[in-house]
């Protein structure tokens, strides 16, 4: 994972495992939690939507296996 700042914008660089695990966490969090701060909640929903628009894994039959592989890779890396 990497974060770069250019002027007033930040760019987050995730590898495929990080993106998948972050997406899974965002989905779970957004389904079960409602933050009292509307701006914070919107950022989390937007981040989930952005990841959903670029990831193909959530639509594959072996999604659970892919998540487990990604988590194991992150833990053991």
N, C-alpha and C. Protein backbone atom coordinates (compact mmCIF):
# COMPACT_ATOMS: atom_id res chain seq x y z
N UNK A 1 0.86 -1.16 0.00
CA UNK A 1 0.00 0.00 0.00
C UNK A 1 0.90 1.22 0.00
N UNK A 2 0.45 2.22 -0.70
CA UNK A 2 1.24 3.43 -0.84
C UNK A 2 0.30 4.63 -0.97
N UNK A 3 0.69 5.74 -0.39
CA UNK A 3 -0.09 6.97 -0.52
C UNK A 3 0.85 8.07 -0.99
N UNK A 4 0.43 8.75 -2.04
CA UNK A 4 1.20 9.87 -2.58
C UNK A 4 0.36 11.13 -2.54
N UNK A 5 1.02 12.24 -2.29
CA UNK A 5 0.32 13.52 -2.28
C UNK A 5 0.85 14.37 -3.42
N UNK A 6 -0.06 14.88 -4.20
CA UNK A 6 0.27 15.82 -5.27
C UNK A 6 -0.65 17.01 -5.12
N UNK A 7 -0.06 18.12 -4.78
CA UNK A 7 -0.81 19.36 -4.50
C UNK A 7 -1.80 19.09 -3.38
N UNK A 8 -3.08 19.22 -3.64
CA UNK A 8 -4.08 19.01 -2.59
C UNK A 8 -4.82 17.68 -2.77
N UNK A 9 -4.26 16.77 -3.56
CA UNK A 9 -4.90 15.47 -3.79
C UNK A 9 -4.00 14.35 -3.29
N UNK A 10 -4.61 13.30 -2.81
CA UNK A 10 -3.90 12.12 -2.34
C UNK A 10 -4.25 10.95 -3.24
N UNK A 11 -3.26 10.14 -3.54
CA UNK A 11 -3.46 8.97 -4.38
C UNK A 11 -3.07 7.73 -3.58
N UNK A 12 -4.02 6.81 -3.43
CA UNK A 12 -3.79 5.58 -2.70
C UNK A 12 -3.54 4.47 -3.70
N UNK A 13 -2.44 3.79 -3.53
CA UNK A 13 -2.09 2.69 -4.42
C UNK A 13 -2.20 1.38 -3.64
N UNK A 14 -3.09 0.51 -4.12
CA UNK A 14 -3.31 -0.79 -3.48
C UNK A 14 -2.94 -1.89 -4.46
N UNK A 15 -2.38 -2.98 -3.94
CA UNK A 15 -2.21 -4.13 -4.82
C UNK A 15 -3.54 -4.87 -4.88
N UNK A 16 -3.64 -5.88 -5.69
CA UNK A 16 -4.93 -6.56 -5.89
C UNK A 16 -5.45 -7.20 -4.62
N UNK A 17 -4.56 -7.74 -3.80
CA UNK A 17 -4.99 -8.35 -2.53
C UNK A 17 -5.54 -7.29 -1.58
N UNK A 18 -4.84 -6.19 -1.46
CA UNK A 18 -5.28 -5.11 -0.57
C UNK A 18 -6.62 -4.54 -1.02
N UNK A 19 -6.78 -4.35 -2.31
CA UNK A 19 -8.03 -3.80 -2.83
C UNK A 19 -9.20 -4.73 -2.53
N UNK A 20 -8.98 -6.01 -2.70
CA UNK A 20 -10.05 -6.99 -2.47
C UNK A 20 -10.44 -7.06 -1.00
N UNK A 21 -9.45 -7.10 -0.12
CA UNK A 21 -9.73 -7.17 1.32
C UNK A 21 -10.38 -5.88 1.80
N UNK A 22 -9.91 -4.75 1.33
CA UNK A 22 -10.51 -3.47 1.71
C UNK A 22 -11.96 -3.41 1.23
N UNK A 23 -12.21 -3.84 -0.01
CA UNK A 23 -13.57 -3.85 -0.53
C UNK A 23 -14.47 -4.72 0.35
N UNK A 24 -14.02 -5.91 0.69
CA UNK A 24 -14.82 -6.82 1.52
C UNK A 24 -15.14 -6.18 2.87
N UNK A 25 -14.15 -5.52 3.47
CA UNK A 25 -14.38 -4.87 4.74
C UNK A 25 -15.39 -3.73 4.60
N UNK A 26 -15.25 -2.92 3.57
CA UNK A 26 -16.17 -1.81 3.35
C UNK A 26 -17.60 -2.29 3.17
N UNK A 27 -17.78 -3.35 2.40
CA UNK A 27 -19.12 -3.91 2.20
C UNK A 27 -19.72 -4.33 3.53
N UNK A 28 -18.96 -5.08 4.32
CA UNK A 28 -19.45 -5.54 5.63
C UNK A 28 -19.74 -4.36 6.55
N UNK A 29 -18.81 -3.41 6.61
CA UNK A 29 -18.99 -2.27 7.49
C UNK A 29 -20.22 -1.45 7.08
N UNK A 30 -20.33 -1.16 5.80
CA UNK A 30 -21.44 -0.32 5.33
C UNK A 30 -22.79 -1.00 5.48
N UNK A 31 -22.81 -2.34 5.45
CA UNK A 31 -24.07 -3.06 5.64
C UNK A 31 -24.54 -3.03 7.09
N UNK A 32 -23.59 -3.01 8.02
CA UNK A 32 -23.94 -3.19 9.43
C UNK A 32 -23.74 -1.97 10.31
N UNK A 33 -23.18 -0.91 9.77
CA UNK A 33 -22.93 0.28 10.58
C UNK A 33 -23.40 1.53 9.85
N UNK A 34 -23.91 2.42 10.61
CA UNK A 34 -24.30 3.73 10.09
C UNK A 34 -23.58 4.76 10.95
N UNK A 35 -22.64 5.46 10.34
CA UNK A 35 -21.89 6.46 11.09
C UNK A 35 -22.76 7.69 11.31
N UNK A 36 -22.65 8.31 12.48
CA UNK A 36 -23.43 9.52 12.73
C UNK A 36 -22.97 10.70 11.88
N UNK A 37 -21.73 10.65 11.45
CA UNK A 37 -21.21 11.74 10.63
C UNK A 37 -21.48 11.42 9.15
N UNK A 38 -22.32 12.21 8.53
CA UNK A 38 -22.75 11.97 7.15
C UNK A 38 -21.59 12.03 6.16
N UNK A 39 -20.65 12.92 6.38
CA UNK A 39 -19.50 13.04 5.47
C UNK A 39 -18.62 11.79 5.52
N UNK A 40 -18.39 11.27 6.74
CA UNK A 40 -17.59 10.05 6.87
C UNK A 40 -18.28 8.87 6.20
N UNK A 41 -19.57 8.76 6.41
CA UNK A 41 -20.33 7.66 5.80
C UNK A 41 -20.28 7.76 4.28
N UNK A 42 -20.42 8.96 3.76
CA UNK A 42 -20.39 9.14 2.31
C UNK A 42 -19.04 8.73 1.72
N UNK A 43 -17.96 9.07 2.40
CA UNK A 43 -16.63 8.69 1.92
C UNK A 43 -16.50 7.17 1.86
N UNK A 44 -16.99 6.49 2.89
CA UNK A 44 -16.91 5.03 2.88
C UNK A 44 -17.75 4.42 1.77
N UNK A 45 -18.96 4.94 1.57
CA UNK A 45 -19.81 4.45 0.46
C UNK A 45 -19.14 4.72 -0.89
N UNK A 46 -18.55 5.90 -1.04
CA UNK A 46 -17.89 6.24 -2.30
C UNK A 46 -16.70 5.33 -2.56
N UNK A 47 -15.93 5.07 -1.53
CA UNK A 47 -14.76 4.20 -1.68
C UNK A 47 -15.21 2.79 -2.08
N UNK A 48 -16.26 2.30 -1.45
CA UNK A 48 -16.81 0.99 -1.81
C UNK A 48 -17.25 0.98 -3.27
N UNK A 49 -17.94 2.01 -3.70
CA UNK A 49 -18.43 2.10 -5.08
C UNK A 49 -17.29 2.14 -6.08
N UNK A 50 -16.26 2.88 -5.77
CA UNK A 50 -15.10 2.96 -6.67
C UNK A 50 -14.46 1.59 -6.82
N UNK A 51 -14.24 0.91 -5.70
CA UNK A 51 -13.64 -0.42 -5.77
C UNK A 51 -14.55 -1.40 -6.52
N UNK A 52 -15.84 -1.33 -6.25
CA UNK A 52 -16.79 -2.22 -6.92
C UNK A 52 -16.76 -2.01 -8.44
N UNK A 53 -16.52 -0.79 -8.88
CA UNK A 53 -16.53 -0.50 -10.31
C UNK A 53 -15.30 -1.05 -11.04
N UNK A 54 -14.23 -1.35 -10.30
CA UNK A 54 -13.01 -1.84 -10.96
C UNK A 54 -12.68 -3.30 -10.65
N UNK A 55 -13.24 -3.84 -9.59
CA UNK A 55 -12.95 -5.23 -9.24
C UNK A 55 -13.88 -6.19 -9.98
N UNK A 56 -13.33 -7.28 -10.45
CA UNK A 56 -14.14 -8.32 -11.07
C UNK A 56 -14.37 -9.48 -10.10
N UNK A 57 -13.48 -9.63 -9.13
CA UNK A 57 -13.54 -10.76 -8.20
C UNK A 57 -14.87 -10.91 -7.46
N UNK A 58 -15.51 -9.83 -7.02
CA UNK A 58 -16.77 -10.01 -6.29
C UNK A 58 -17.87 -10.69 -7.11
N UNK A 59 -17.70 -10.74 -8.41
CA UNK A 59 -18.72 -11.33 -9.27
C UNK A 59 -18.36 -12.75 -9.71
N UNK A 60 -17.25 -13.25 -9.22
CA UNK A 60 -16.82 -14.60 -9.59
C UNK A 60 -17.35 -15.63 -8.60
N UNK A 61 -17.51 -16.85 -9.08
CA UNK A 61 -18.04 -17.94 -8.25
C UNK A 61 -17.16 -18.24 -7.05
N UNK A 62 -15.86 -18.10 -7.22
CA UNK A 62 -14.92 -18.46 -6.16
C UNK A 62 -14.49 -17.24 -5.33
N UNK A 63 -15.39 -16.29 -5.18
CA UNK A 63 -15.09 -15.05 -4.46
C UNK A 63 -14.59 -15.31 -3.04
N UNK A 64 -15.23 -16.18 -2.32
CA UNK A 64 -14.83 -16.46 -0.93
C UNK A 64 -13.40 -17.00 -0.90
N UNK A 65 -13.09 -17.88 -1.82
CA UNK A 65 -11.74 -18.43 -1.91
C UNK A 65 -10.73 -17.32 -2.24
N UNK A 66 -11.11 -16.43 -3.13
CA UNK A 66 -10.22 -15.32 -3.50
C UNK A 66 -9.97 -14.39 -2.32
N UNK A 67 -11.00 -14.13 -1.52
CA UNK A 67 -10.86 -13.30 -0.33
C UNK A 67 -9.90 -13.98 0.65
N UNK A 68 -10.10 -15.27 0.89
CA UNK A 68 -9.23 -15.99 1.82
C UNK A 68 -7.78 -15.99 1.34
N UNK A 69 -7.57 -16.18 0.06
CA UNK A 69 -6.22 -16.15 -0.51
C UNK A 69 -5.60 -14.77 -0.31
N UNK A 70 -6.37 -13.73 -0.57
CA UNK A 70 -5.87 -12.36 -0.41
C UNK A 70 -5.51 -12.08 1.05
N UNK A 71 -6.37 -12.48 1.96
CA UNK A 71 -6.09 -12.27 3.39
C UNK A 71 -4.83 -13.00 3.82
N UNK A 72 -4.71 -14.26 3.40
CA UNK A 72 -3.51 -15.04 3.75
C UNK A 72 -2.25 -14.41 3.16
N UNK A 73 -2.34 -13.92 1.96
CA UNK A 73 -1.19 -13.27 1.33
C UNK A 73 -0.78 -12.03 2.11
N UNK A 74 -1.74 -11.23 2.50
CA UNK A 74 -1.46 -10.00 3.26
C UNK A 74 -0.83 -10.34 4.63
N UNK A 75 -1.41 -11.32 5.30
CA UNK A 75 -0.90 -11.69 6.63
C UNK A 75 0.52 -12.25 6.55
N UNK A 76 0.78 -13.04 5.54
CA UNK A 76 2.07 -13.73 5.44
C UNK A 76 3.12 -13.00 4.61
N UNK A 77 2.79 -11.83 4.14
CA UNK A 77 3.74 -11.09 3.30
C UNK A 77 4.70 -10.29 4.12
